[in-house]
Amino acid sequence: IIKIKQKPLIYYSIKIAKQIVNRKNIYISTDSKKIKKIAKINGVNIIE
């Protein structure tokens, strides 16, 4: 979640994934509340 150009690092992987598949086919597997929040903001699925 370190910011690069004002975006968290994980954002760039989400961005590429959205260019390839629909959001409903993107999953973030995490244990972190902060990463879950980023996933929700970007409209992708969360795997606990």
ModelCIF file with pLDDT and N, C-alpha, C, O atoms, coordinates in Angstrom:
data_MODEL
#
_entry.id   MODEL 
#
_entity.id                         1 
_entity.type                       polymer 
_entity.pdbx_number_of_molecules   1 
#
_entity_poly.entity_id                      1 
_entity_poly.type                           'polypeptide(L)' 
_entity_poly.nstd_linkage                   no 
_entity_poly.nstd_monomer                   no 
_entity_poly.pdbx_seq_one_letter_code       IIKIKQKPLIYYSIKIAKQIVNRKNIYISTDSKKIKKIAKINGVNIIE 
_entity_poly.pdbx_seq_one_letter_code_can   IIKIKQKPLIYYSIKIAKQIVNRKNIYISTDSKKIKKIAKINGVNIIE 
_entity_poly.pdbx_strand_id                 A 
#
loop_
_entity_poly_seq.entity_id 
_entity_poly_seq.num 
_entity_poly_seq.mon_id 
_entity_poly_seq.hetero 
1 1  ILE n 
1 2  ILE n 
1 3  LYS n 
1 4  ILE n 
1 5  LYS n 
1 6  GLN n 
1 7  LYS n 
1 8  PRO n 
1 9  LEU n 
1 10 ILE n 
1 11 TYR n 
1 12 TYR n 
1 13 SER n 
1 14 ILE n 
1 15 LYS n 
1 16 ILE n 
1 17 ALA n 
1 18 LYS n 
1 19 GLN n 
1 20 ILE n 
1 21 VAL n 
1 22 ASN n 
1 23 ARG n 
1 24 LYS n 
1 25 ASN n 
1 26 ILE n 
1 27 TYR n 
1 28 ILE n 
1 29 SER n 
1 30 THR n 
1 31 ASP n 
1 32 SER n 
1 33 LYS n 
1 34 LYS n 
1 35 ILE n 
1 36 LYS n 
1 37 LYS n 
1 38 ILE n 
1 39 ALA n 
1 40 LYS n 
1 41 ILE n 
1 42 ASN n 
1 43 GLY n 
1 44 VAL n 
1 45 ASN n 
1 46 ILE n 
1 47 ILE n 
1 48 GLU n 
#
_struct_asym.id          A 
_struct_asym.entity_id   1 
#
loop_
_ma_qa_metric.id 
_ma_qa_metric.mode 
_ma_qa_metric.name 
_ma_qa_metric.software_group_id 
_ma_qa_metric.type 
1 global pLDDT . pLDDT 
2 local  pLDDT . pLDDT 
#
_ma_qa_metric_global.metric_id      1 
_ma_qa_metric_global.metric_value   95.40 
_ma_qa_metric_global.model_id       1 
_ma_qa_metric_global.ordinal_id     1 
#
loop_
_ma_qa_metric_local.label_asym_id 
_ma_qa_metric_local.label_comp_id 
_ma_qa_metric_local.label_seq_id 
_ma_qa_metric_local.metric_id 
_ma_qa_metric_local.metric_value 
_ma_qa_metric_local.model_id 
_ma_qa_metric_local.ordinal_id 
A ILE 1  2 89.00 1 1  
A ILE 2  2 89.00 1 2  
A LYS 3  2 92.00 1 3  
A ILE 4  2 90.00 1 4  
A LYS 5  2 93.00 1 5  
A GLN 6  2 94.00 1 6  
A LYS 7  2 94.00 1 7  
A PRO 8  2 95.00 1 8  
A LEU 9  2 94.00 1 9  
A ILE 10 2 96.00 1 10 
A TYR 11 2 97.00 1 11 
A TYR 12 2 96.00 1 12 
A SER 13 2 97.00 1 13 
A ILE 14 2 97.00 1 14 
A LYS 15 2 97.00 1 15 
A ILE 16 2 97.00 1 16 
A ALA 17 2 97.00 1 17 
A LYS 18 2 97.00 1 18 
A GLN 19 2 96.00 1 19 
A ILE 20 2 94.00 1 20 
A VAL 21 2 94.00 1 21 
A ASN 22 2 93.00 1 22 
A ARG 23 2 94.00 1 23 
A LYS 24 2 94.00 1 24 
A ASN 25 2 95.00 1 25 
A ILE 26 2 97.00 1 26 
A TYR 27 2 98.00 1 27 
A ILE 28 2 98.00 1 28 
A SER 29 2 97.00 1 29 
A THR 30 2 96.00 1 30 
A ASP 31 2 94.00 1 31 
A SER 32 2 94.00 1 32 
A LYS 33 2 95.00 1 33 
A LYS 34 2 95.00 1 34 
A ILE 35 2 96.00 1 35 
A LYS 36 2 97.00 1 36 
A LYS 37 2 97.00 1 37 
A ILE 38 2 96.00 1 38 
A ALA 39 2 97.00 1 39 
A LYS 40 2 97.00 1 40 
A ILE 41 2 96.00 1 41 
A ASN 42 2 96.00 1 42 
A GLY 43 2 97.00 1 43 
A VAL 44 2 98.00 1 44 
A ASN 45 2 97.00 1 45 
A ILE 46 2 97.00 1 46 
A ILE 47 2 97.00 1 47 
A GLU 48 2 96.00 1 48 
#
loop_
_atom_site.group_PDB 
_atom_site.id 
_atom_site.type_symbol 
_atom_site.label_atom_id 
_atom_site.label_alt_id 
_atom_site.label_comp_id 
_atom_site.label_asym_id 
_atom_site.label_entity_id 
_atom_site.label_seq_id 
_atom_site.pdbx_PDB_ins_code 
_atom_site.Cartn_x 
_atom_site.Cartn_y 
_atom_site.Cartn_z 
_atom_site.occupancy 
_atom_site.B_iso_or_equiv 
_atom_site.pdbx_formal_charge 
_atom_site.auth_seq_id 
_atom_site.auth_comp_id 
_atom_site.auth_asym_id 
_atom_site.auth_atom_id 
_atom_site.pdbx_PDB_model_num 
ATOM 1   N N  . ILE A 1 1  ? 0.810   -1.214  0.000   1.00 89.00 ? 1  ILE A N  1 
ATOM 2   C CA . ILE A 1 1  ? 0.000   0.000   0.000   1.00 89.00 ? 1  ILE A CA 1 
ATOM 3   C C  . ILE A 1 1  ? 0.852   1.276   0.000   1.00 89.00 ? 1  ILE A C  1 
ATOM 4   O O  . ILE A 1 1  ? 0.321   2.376   0.155   1.00 89.00 ? 1  ILE A O  1 
ATOM 5   N N  . ILE A 1 2  ? 2.152   1.131   -0.171  1.00 89.00 ? 2  ILE A N  1 
ATOM 6   C CA . ILE A 1 2  ? 3.013   2.313   -0.293  1.00 89.00 ? 2  ILE A CA 1 
ATOM 7   C C  . ILE A 1 2  ? 2.575   3.101   -1.523  1.00 89.00 ? 2  ILE A C  1 
ATOM 8   O O  . ILE A 1 2  ? 2.284   2.521   -2.569  1.00 89.00 ? 2  ILE A O  1 
ATOM 9   N N  . LYS A 1 3  ? 2.529   4.407   -1.395  1.00 92.00 ? 3  LYS A N  1 
ATOM 10  C CA . LYS A 1 3  ? 2.063   5.265   -2.497  1.00 92.00 ? 3  LYS A CA 1 
ATOM 11  C C  . LYS A 1 3  ? 3.163   5.480   -3.538  1.00 92.00 ? 3  LYS A C  1 
ATOM 12  O O  . LYS A 1 3  ? 4.306   5.807   -3.216  1.00 92.00 ? 3  LYS A O  1 
ATOM 13  N N  . ILE A 1 4  ? 2.772   5.285   -4.791  1.00 90.00 ? 4  ILE A N  1 
ATOM 14  C CA . ILE A 1 4  ? 3.602   5.601   -5.945  1.00 90.00 ? 4  ILE A CA 1 
ATOM 15  C C  . ILE A 1 4  ? 2.729   6.474   -6.840  1.00 90.00 ? 4  ILE A C  1 
ATOM 16  O O  . ILE A 1 4  ? 1.676   6.036   -7.302  1.00 90.00 ? 4  ILE A O  1 
ATOM 17  N N  . LYS A 1 5  ? 3.157   7.684   -7.079  1.00 93.00 ? 5  LYS A N  1 
ATOM 18  C CA . LYS A 1 5  ? 2.346   8.657   -7.837  1.00 93.00 ? 5  LYS A CA 1 
ATOM 19  C C  . LYS A 1 5  ? 0.945   8.779   -7.238  1.00 93.00 ? 5  LYS A C  1 
ATOM 20  O O  . LYS A 1 5  ? -0.054  8.737   -7.956  1.00 93.00 ? 5  LYS A O  1 
ATOM 21  N N  . GLN A 1 6  ? 0.886   8.928   -5.939  1.00 94.00 ? 6  GLN A N  1 
ATOM 22  C CA . GLN A 1 6  ? -0.352  9.127   -5.170  1.00 94.00 ? 6  GLN A CA 1 
ATOM 23  C C  . GLN A 1 6  ? -1.311  7.932   -5.186  1.00 94.00 ? 6  GLN A C  1 
ATOM 24  O O  . GLN A 1 6  ? -2.463  8.071   -4.774  1.00 94.00 ? 6  GLN A O  1 
ATOM 25  N N  . LYS A 1 7  ? -0.865  6.775   -5.648  1.00 94.00 ? 7  LYS A N  1 
ATOM 26  C CA . LYS A 1 7  ? -1.711  5.572   -5.663  1.00 94.00 ? 7  LYS A CA 1 
ATOM 27  C C  . LYS A 1 7  ? -0.993  4.457   -4.903  1.00 94.00 ? 7  LYS A C  1 
ATOM 28  O O  . LYS A 1 7  ? 0.230   4.345   -4.987  1.00 94.00 ? 7  LYS A O  1 
ATOM 29  N N  . PRO A 1 8  ? -1.745  3.623   -4.157  1.00 95.00 ? 8  PRO A N  1 
ATOM 30  C CA . PRO A 1 8  ? -1.095  2.502   -3.476  1.00 95.00 ? 8  PRO A CA 1 
ATOM 31  C C  . PRO A 1 8  ? -0.544  1.504   -4.502  1.00 95.00 ? 8  PRO A C  1 
ATOM 32  O O  . PRO A 1 8  ? -1.128  1.314   -5.570  1.00 95.00 ? 8  PRO A O  1 
ATOM 33  N N  . LEU A 1 9  ? 0.559   0.884   -4.174  1.00 94.00 ? 9  LEU A N  1 
ATOM 34  C CA . LEU A 1 9  ? 1.226   -0.047  -5.093  1.00 94.00 ? 9  LEU A CA 1 
ATOM 35  C C  . LEU A 1 9  ? 0.265   -1.084  -5.668  1.00 94.00 ? 9  LEU A C  1 
ATOM 36  O O  . LEU A 1 9  ? 0.327   -1.380  -6.862  1.00 94.00 ? 9  LEU A O  1 
ATOM 37  N N  . ILE A 1 10 ? -0.607  -1.632  -4.858  1.00 96.00 ? 10 ILE A N  1 
ATOM 38  C CA . ILE A 1 10 ? -1.547  -2.663  -5.320  1.00 96.00 ? 10 ILE A CA 1 
ATOM 39  C C  . ILE A 1 10 ? -2.505  -2.139  -6.390  1.00 96.00 ? 10 ILE A C  1 
ATOM 40  O O  . ILE A 1 10 ? -3.015  -2.915  -7.198  1.00 96.00 ? 10 ILE A O  1 
ATOM 41  N N  . TYR A 1 11 ? -2.748  -0.846  -6.400  1.00 97.00 ? 11 TYR A N  1 
ATOM 42  C CA . TYR A 1 11 ? -3.647  -0.238  -7.390  1.00 97.00 ? 11 TYR A CA 1 
ATOM 43  C C  . TYR A 1 11 ? -3.222  -0.574  -8.821  1.00 97.00 ? 11 TYR A C  1 
ATOM 44  O O  . TYR A 1 11 ? -4.070  -0.803  -9.683  1.00 97.00 ? 11 TYR A O  1 
ATOM 45  N N  . TYR A 1 12 ? -1.919  -0.604  -9.073  1.00 96.00 ? 12 TYR A N  1 
ATOM 46  C CA . TYR A 1 12 ? -1.435  -0.819  -10.435 1.00 96.00 ? 12 TYR A CA 1 
ATOM 47  C C  . TYR A 1 12 ? -1.742  -2.232  -10.939 1.00 96.00 ? 12 TYR A C  1 
ATOM 48  O O  . TYR A 1 12 ? -1.967  -2.422  -12.134 1.00 96.00 ? 12 TYR A O  1 
ATOM 49  N N  . SER A 1 13 ? -1.753  -3.206  -10.056 1.00 97.00 ? 13 SER A N  1 
ATOM 50  C CA . SER A 1 13 ? -2.166  -4.555  -10.453 1.00 97.00 ? 13 SER A CA 1 
ATOM 51  C C  . SER A 1 13 ? -3.672  -4.605  -10.703 1.00 97.00 ? 13 SER A C  1 
ATOM 52  O O  . SER A 1 13 ? -4.128  -5.258  -11.641 1.00 97.00 ? 13 SER A O  1 
ATOM 53  N N  . ILE A 1 14 ? -4.432  -3.919  -9.869  1.00 97.00 ? 14 ILE A N  1 
ATOM 54  C CA . ILE A 1 14 ? -5.890  -3.856  -10.072 1.00 97.00 ? 14 ILE A CA 1 
ATOM 55  C C  . ILE A 1 14 ? -6.200  -3.188  -11.409 1.00 97.00 ? 14 ILE A C  1 
ATOM 56  O O  . ILE A 1 14 ? -7.062  -3.650  -12.157 1.00 97.00 ? 14 ILE A O  1 
ATOM 57  N N  . LYS A 1 15 ? -5.503  -2.117  -11.700 1.00 97.00 ? 15 LYS A N  1 
ATOM 58  C CA . LYS A 1 15 ? -5.725  -1.376  -12.948 1.00 97.00 ? 15 LYS A CA 1 
ATOM 59  C C  . LYS A 1 15 ? -5.493  -2.266  -14.172 1.00 97.00 ? 15 LYS A C  1 
ATOM 60  O O  . LYS A 1 15 ? -6.305  -2.269  -15.097 1.00 97.00 ? 15 LYS A O  1 
ATOM 61  N N  . ILE A 1 16 ? -4.398  -3.013  -14.182 1.00 97.00 ? 16 ILE A N  1 
ATOM 62  C CA . ILE A 1 16 ? -4.102  -3.922  -15.303 1.00 97.00 ? 16 ILE A CA 1 
ATOM 63  C C  . ILE A 1 16 ? -5.181  -5.006  -15.392 1.00 97.00 ? 16 ILE A C  1 
ATOM 64  O O  . ILE A 1 16 ? -5.663  -5.316  -16.481 1.00 97.00 ? 16 ILE A O  1 
ATOM 65  N N  . ALA A 1 17 ? -5.553  -5.574  -14.255 1.00 97.00 ? 17 ALA A N  1 
ATOM 66  C CA . ALA A 1 17 ? -6.579  -6.629  -14.249 1.00 97.00 ? 17 ALA A CA 1 
ATOM 67  C C  . ALA A 1 17 ? -7.888  -6.130  -14.855 1.00 97.00 ? 17 ALA A C  1 
ATOM 68  O O  . ALA A 1 17 ? -8.536  -6.854  -15.611 1.00 97.00 ? 17 ALA A O  1 
ATOM 69  N N  . LYS A 1 18 ? -8.279  -4.897  -14.529 1.00 97.00 ? 18 LYS A N  1 
ATOM 70  C CA . LYS A 1 18 ? -9.523  -4.320  -15.058 1.00 97.00 ? 18 LYS A CA 1 
ATOM 71  C C  . LYS A 1 18 ? -9.462  -4.108  -16.565 1.00 97.00 ? 18 LYS A C  1 
ATOM 72  O O  . LYS A 1 18 ? -10.498 -4.068  -17.228 1.00 97.00 ? 18 LYS A O  1 
ATOM 73  N N  . GLN A 1 19 ? -8.267  -3.972  -17.105 1.00 96.00 ? 19 GLN A N  1 
ATOM 74  C CA . GLN A 1 19 ? -8.125  -3.809  -18.558 1.00 96.00 ? 19 GLN A CA 1 
ATOM 75  C C  . GLN A 1 19 ? -8.311  -5.136  -19.293 1.00 96.00 ? 19 GLN A C  1 
ATOM 76  O O  . GLN A 1 19 ? -8.486  -5.158  -20.511 1.00 96.00 ? 19 GLN A O  1 
ATOM 77  N N  . ILE A 1 20 ? -8.273  -6.232  -18.550 1.00 94.00 ? 20 ILE A N  1 
ATOM 78  C CA . ILE A 1 20 ? -8.327  -7.556  -19.162 1.00 94.00 ? 20 ILE A CA 1 
ATOM 79  C C  . ILE A 1 20 ? -9.664  -8.258  -18.923 1.00 94.00 ? 20 ILE A C  1 
ATOM 80  O O  . ILE A 1 20 ? -10.234 -8.843  -19.844 1.00 94.00 ? 20 ILE A O  1 
ATOM 81  N N  . VAL A 1 21 ? -10.160 -8.201  -17.697 1.00 94.00 ? 21 VAL A N  1 
ATOM 82  C CA . VAL A 1 21 ? -11.416 -8.878  -17.355 1.00 94.00 ? 21 VAL A CA 1 
ATOM 83  C C  . VAL A 1 21 ? -12.347 -7.931  -16.612 1.00 94.00 ? 21 VAL A C  1 
ATOM 84  O O  . VAL A 1 21 ? -11.939 -6.868  -16.145 1.00 94.00 ? 21 VAL A O  1 
ATOM 85  N N  . ASN A 1 22 ? -13.600 -8.339  -16.513 1.00 93.00 ? 22 ASN A N  1 
ATOM 86  C CA . ASN A 1 22 ? -14.602 -7.614  -15.745 1.00 93.00 ? 22 ASN A CA 1 
ATOM 87  C C  . ASN A 1 22 ? -14.231 -7.664  -14.262 1.00 93.00 ? 22 ASN A C  1 
ATOM 88  O O  . ASN A 1 22 ? -13.634 -8.636  -13.801 1.00 93.00 ? 22 ASN A O  1 
ATOM 89  N N  . ARG A 1 23 ? -14.583 -6.629  -13.529 1.00 94.00 ? 23 ARG A N  1 
ATOM 90  C CA . ARG A 1 23 ? -14.282 -6.563  -12.083 1.00 94.00 ? 23 ARG A CA 1 
ATOM 91  C C  . ARG A 1 23 ? -14.738 -7.799  -11.316 1.00 94.00 ? 23 ARG A C  1 
ATOM 92  O O  . ARG A 1 23 ? -14.096 -8.208  -10.349 1.00 94.00 ? 23 ARG A O  1 
ATOM 93  N N  . LYS A 1 24 ? -15.846 -8.391  -11.749 1.00 94.00 ? 24 LYS A N  1 
ATOM 94  C CA . LYS A 1 24 ? -16.371 -9.557  -11.023 1.00 94.00 ? 24 LYS A CA 1 
ATOM 95  C C  . LYS A 1 24 ? -15.424 -10.755 -11.120 1.00 94.00 ? 24 LYS A C  1 
ATOM 96  O O  . LYS A 1 24 ? -15.583 -11.732 -10.388 1.00 94.00 ? 24 LYS A O  1 
ATOM 97  N N  . ASN A 1 25 ? -14.453 -10.685 -12.008 1.00 95.00 ? 25 ASN A N  1 
ATOM 98  C CA . ASN A 1 25 ? -13.480 -11.771 -12.174 1.00 95.00 ? 25 ASN A CA 1 
ATOM 99  C C  . ASN A 1 25 ? -12.111 -11.433 -11.593 1.00 95.00 ? 25 ASN A C  1 
ATOM 100 O O  . ASN A 1 25 ? -11.114 -12.078 -11.917 1.00 95.00 ? 25 ASN A O  1 
ATOM 101 N N  . ILE A 1 26 ? -12.072 -10.416 -10.729 1.00 97.00 ? 26 ILE A N  1 
ATOM 102 C CA . ILE A 1 26 ? -10.828 -10.004 -10.082 1.00 97.00 ? 26 ILE A CA 1 
ATOM 103 C C  . ILE A 1 26 ? -10.986 -10.209 -8.574  1.00 97.00 ? 26 ILE A C  1 
ATOM 104 O O  . ILE A 1 26 ? -11.981 -9.798  -7.976  1.00 97.00 ? 26 ILE A O  1 
ATOM 105 N N  . TYR A 1 27 ? -9.982  -10.853 -7.975  1.00 98.00 ? 27 TYR A N  1 
ATOM 106 C CA . TYR A 1 27 ? -10.019 -11.184 -6.551  1.00 98.00 ? 27 TYR A CA 1 
ATOM 107 C C  . TYR A 1 27 ? -8.722  -10.767 -5.879  1.00 98.00 ? 27 TYR A C  1 
ATOM 108 O O  . TYR A 1 27 ? -7.630  -11.003 -6.395  1.00 98.00 ? 27 TYR A O  1 
ATOM 109 N N  . ILE A 1 28 ? -8.865  -10.139 -4.716  1.00 98.00 ? 28 ILE A N  1 
ATOM 110 C CA . ILE A 1 28 ? -7.697  -9.834  -3.900  1.00 98.00 ? 28 ILE A CA 1 
ATOM 111 C C  . ILE A 1 28 ? -7.779  -10.710 -2.665  1.00 98.00 ? 28 ILE A C  1 
ATOM 112 O O  . ILE A 1 28 ? -8.754  -10.666 -1.914  1.00 98.00 ? 28 ILE A O  1 
ATOM 113 N N  . SER A 1 29 ? -6.739  -11.507 -2.467  1.00 97.00 ? 29 SER A N  1 
ATOM 114 C CA . SER A 1 29 ? -6.634  -12.358 -1.296  1.00 97.00 ? 29 SER A CA 1 
ATOM 115 C C  . SER A 1 29 ? -5.758  -11.630 -0.279  1.00 97.00 ? 29 SER A C  1 
ATOM 116 O O  . SER A 1 29 ? -4.582  -11.363 -0.529  1.00 97.00 ? 29 SER A O  1 
ATOM 117 N N  . THR A 1 30 ? -6.354  -11.312 0.875   1.00 96.00 ? 30 THR A N  1 
ATOM 118 C CA . THR A 1 30 ? -5.612  -10.545 1.873   1.00 96.00 ? 30 THR A CA 1 
ATOM 119 C C  . THR A 1 30 ? -6.138  -10.767 3.281   1.00 96.00 ? 30 THR A C  1 
ATOM 120 O O  . THR A 1 30 ? -7.255  -11.241 3.486   1.00 96.00 ? 30 THR A O  1 
ATOM 121 N N  . ASP A 1 31 ? -5.307  -10.414 4.230   1.00 94.00 ? 31 ASP A N  1 
ATOM 122 C CA . ASP A 1 31 ? -5.679  -10.411 5.638   1.00 94.00 ? 31 ASP A CA 1 
ATOM 123 C C  . ASP A 1 31 ? -5.730  -8.975  6.172   1.00 94.00 ? 31 ASP A C  1 
ATOM 124 O O  . ASP A 1 31 ? -6.047  -8.762  7.342   1.00 94.00 ? 31 ASP A O  1 
ATOM 125 N N  . SER A 1 32 ? -5.422  -8.003  5.332   1.00 94.00 ? 32 SER A N  1 
ATOM 126 C CA . SER A 1 32 ? -5.253  -6.610  5.738   1.00 94.00 ? 32 SER A CA 1 
ATOM 127 C C  . SER A 1 32 ? -6.527  -5.778  5.548   1.00 94.00 ? 32 SER A C  1 
ATOM 128 O O  . SER A 1 32 ? -7.135  -5.799  4.478   1.00 94.00 ? 32 SER A O  1 
ATOM 129 N N  . LYS A 1 33 ? -6.920  -5.051  6.587   1.00 95.00 ? 33 LYS A N  1 
ATOM 130 C CA . LYS A 1 33 ? -8.083  -4.161  6.500   1.00 95.00 ? 33 LYS A CA 1 
ATOM 131 C C  . LYS A 1 33 ? -7.828  -3.047  5.495   1.00 95.00 ? 33 LYS A C  1 
ATOM 132 O O  . LYS A 1 33 ? -8.734  -2.663  4.755   1.00 95.00 ? 33 LYS A O  1 
ATOM 133 N N  . LYS A 1 34 ? -6.615  -2.527  5.458   1.00 95.00 ? 34 LYS A N  1 
ATOM 134 C CA . LYS A 1 34 ? -6.295  -1.436  4.527   1.00 95.00 ? 34 LYS A CA 1 
ATOM 135 C C  . LYS A 1 34 ? -6.362  -1.911  3.076   1.00 95.00 ? 34 LYS A C  1 
ATOM 136 O O  . LYS A 1 34 ? -6.854  -1.190  2.208   1.00 95.00 ? 34 LYS A O  1 
ATOM 137 N N  . ILE A 1 35 ? -5.874  -3.111  2.816   1.00 96.00 ? 35 ILE A N  1 
ATOM 138 C CA . ILE A 1 35 ? -5.921  -3.651  1.451   1.00 96.00 ? 35 ILE A CA 1 
ATOM 139 C C  . ILE A 1 35 ? -7.364  -3.975  1.068   1.00 96.00 ? 35 ILE A C  1 
ATOM 140 O O  . ILE A 1 35 ? -7.756  -3.767  -0.080  1.00 96.00 ? 35 ILE A O  1 
ATOM 141 N N  . LYS A 1 36 ? -8.151  -4.475  2.006   1.00 97.00 ? 36 LYS A N  1 
ATOM 142 C CA . LYS A 1 36 ? -9.569  -4.728  1.742   1.00 97.00 ? 36 LYS A CA 1 
ATOM 143 C C  . LYS A 1 36 ? -10.290 -3.439  1.369   1.00 97.00 ? 36 LYS A C  1 
ATOM 144 O O  . LYS A 1 36 ? -11.144 -3.433  0.482   1.00 97.00 ? 36 LYS A O  1 
ATOM 145 N N  . LYS A 1 37 ? -9.949  -2.359  2.039   1.00 97.00 ? 37 LYS A N  1 
ATOM 146 C CA . LYS A 1 37 ? -10.561 -1.062  1.738   1.00 97.00 ? 37 LYS A CA 1 
ATOM 147 C C  . LYS A 1 37 ? -10.220 -0.630  0.309   1.00 97.00 ? 37 LYS A C  1 
ATOM 148 O O  . LYS A 1 37 ? -11.085 -0.128  -0.409  1.00 97.00 ? 37 LYS A O  1 
ATOM 149 N N  . ILE A 1 38 ? -8.978  -0.822  -0.103  1.00 96.00 ? 38 ILE A N  1 
ATOM 150 C CA . ILE A 1 38 ? -8.561  -0.485  -1.472  1.00 96.00 ? 38 ILE A CA 1 
ATOM 151 C C  . ILE A 1 38 ? -9.320  -1.345  -2.479  1.00 96.00 ? 38 ILE A C  1 
ATOM 152 O O  . ILE A 1 38 ? -9.741  -0.854  -3.527  1.00 96.00 ? 38 ILE A O  1 
ATOM 153 N N  . ALA A 1 39 ? -9.495  -2.626  -2.162  1.00 97.00 ? 39 ALA A N  1 
ATOM 154 C CA . ALA A 1 39 ? -10.252 -3.526  -3.043  1.00 97.00 ? 39 ALA A CA 1 
ATOM 155 C C  . ALA A 1 39 ? -11.690 -3.036  -3.196  1.00 97.00 ? 39 ALA A C  1 
ATOM 156 O O  . ALA A 1 39 ? -12.219 -3.002  -4.307  1.00 97.00 ? 39 ALA A O  1 
ATOM 157 N N  . LYS A 1 40 ? -12.319 -2.661  -2.095  1.00 97.00 ? 40 LYS A N  1 
ATOM 158 C CA . LYS A 1 40 ? -13.702 -2.177  -2.141  1.00 97.00 ? 40 LYS A CA 1 
ATOM 159 C C  . LYS A 1 40 ? -13.813 -0.902  -2.962  1.00 97.00 ? 40 LYS A C  1 
ATOM 160 O O  . LYS A 1 40 ? -14.726 -0.760  -3.775  1.00 97.00 ? 40 LYS A O  1 
ATOM 161 N N  . ILE A 1 41 ? -12.883 0.027   -2.751  1.00 96.00 ? 41 ILE A N  1 
ATOM 162 C CA . ILE A 1 41 ? -12.891 1.293   -3.500  1.00 96.00 ? 41 ILE A CA 1 
ATOM 163 C C  . ILE A 1 41 ? -12.804 1.022   -5.003  1.00 96.00 ? 41 ILE A C  1 
ATOM 164 O O  . ILE A 1 41 ? -13.411 1.731   -5.805  1.00 96.00 ? 41 ILE A O  1 
ATOM 165 N N  . ASN A 1 42 ? -12.047 -0.005  -5.374  1.00 96.00 ? 42 ASN A N  1 
ATOM 166 C CA . ASN A 1 42 ? -11.842 -0.334  -6.785  1.00 96.00 ? 42 ASN A CA 1 
ATOM 167 C C  . ASN A 1 42 ? -12.854 -1.335  -7.325  1.00 96.00 ? 42 ASN A C  1 
ATOM 168 O O  . ASN A 1 42 ? -12.771 -1.732  -8.487  1.00 96.00 ? 42 ASN A O  1 
ATOM 169 N N  . GLY A 1 43 ? -13.799 -1.744  -6.502  1.00 97.00 ? 43 GLY A N  1 
ATOM 170 C CA . GLY A 1 43 ? -14.899 -2.591  -6.963  1.00 97.00 ? 43 GLY A CA 1 
ATOM 171 C C  . GLY A 1 43 ? -14.523 -4.017  -7.309  1.00 97.00 ? 43 GLY A C  1 
ATOM 172 O O  . GLY A 1 43 ? -15.159 -4.639  -8.160  1.00 97.00 ? 43 GLY A O  1 
ATOM 173 N N  . VAL A 1 44 ? -13.482 -4.548  -6.649  1.00 98.00 ? 44 VAL A N  1 
ATOM 174 C CA . VAL A 1 44 ? -13.087 -5.930  -6.922  1.00 98.00 ? 44 VAL A CA 1 
ATOM 175 C C  . VAL A 1 44 ? -13.400 -6.805  -5.711  1.00 98.00 ? 44 VAL A C  1 
ATOM 176 O O  . VAL A 1 44 ? -13.637 -6.306  -4.611  1.00 98.00 ? 44 VAL A O  1 
ATOM 177 N N  . ASN A 1 45 ? -13.398 -8.101  -5.931  1.00 97.00 ? 45 ASN A N  1 
ATOM 178 C CA . ASN A 1 45 ? -13.754 -9.064  -4.895  1.00 97.00 ? 45 ASN A CA 1 
ATOM 179 C C  . ASN A 1 45 ? -12.636 -9.242  -3.880  1.00 97.00 ? 45 ASN A C  1 
ATOM 180 O O  . ASN A 1 45 ? -11.457 -9.052  -4.177  1.00 97.00 ? 45 ASN A O  1 
ATOM 181 N N  . ILE A 1 46 ? -13.049 -9.614  -2.672  1.00 97.00 ? 46 ILE A N  1 
ATOM 182 C CA . ILE A 1 46 ? -12.089 -9.863  -1.598  1.00 97.00 ? 46 ILE A CA 1 
ATOM 183 C C  . ILE A 1 46 ? -12.200 -11.310 -1.161  1.00 97.00 ? 46 ILE A C  1 
ATOM 184 O O  . ILE A 1 46 ? -13.298 -11.833 -0.970  1.00 97.00 ? 46 ILE A O  1 
ATOM 185 N N  . ILE A 1 47 ? -11.060 -11.947 -1.007  1.00 97.00 ? 47 ILE A N  1 
ATOM 186 C CA . ILE A 1 47 ? -10.991 -13.275 -0.406  1.00 97.00 ? 47 ILE A CA 1 
ATOM 187 C C  . ILE A 1 47 ? -10.298 -13.095 0.931   1.00 97.00 ? 47 ILE A C  1 
ATOM 188 O O  . ILE A 1 47 ? -9.158  -12.634 0.998   1.00 97.00 ? 47 ILE A O  1 
ATOM 189 N N  . GLU A 1 48 ? -11.004 -13.466 2.001   1.00 96.00 ? 48 GLU A N  1 
ATOM 190 C CA . GLU A 1 48 ? -10.449 -13.362 3.342   1.00 96.00 ? 48 GLU A CA 1 
ATOM 191 C C  . GLU A 1 48 ? -9.360  -14.411 3.521   1.00 96.00 ? 48 GLU A C  1 
ATOM 192 O O  . GLU A 1 48 ? -8.756  -14.498 4.590   1.00 96.00 ? 48 GLU A O  1 
#
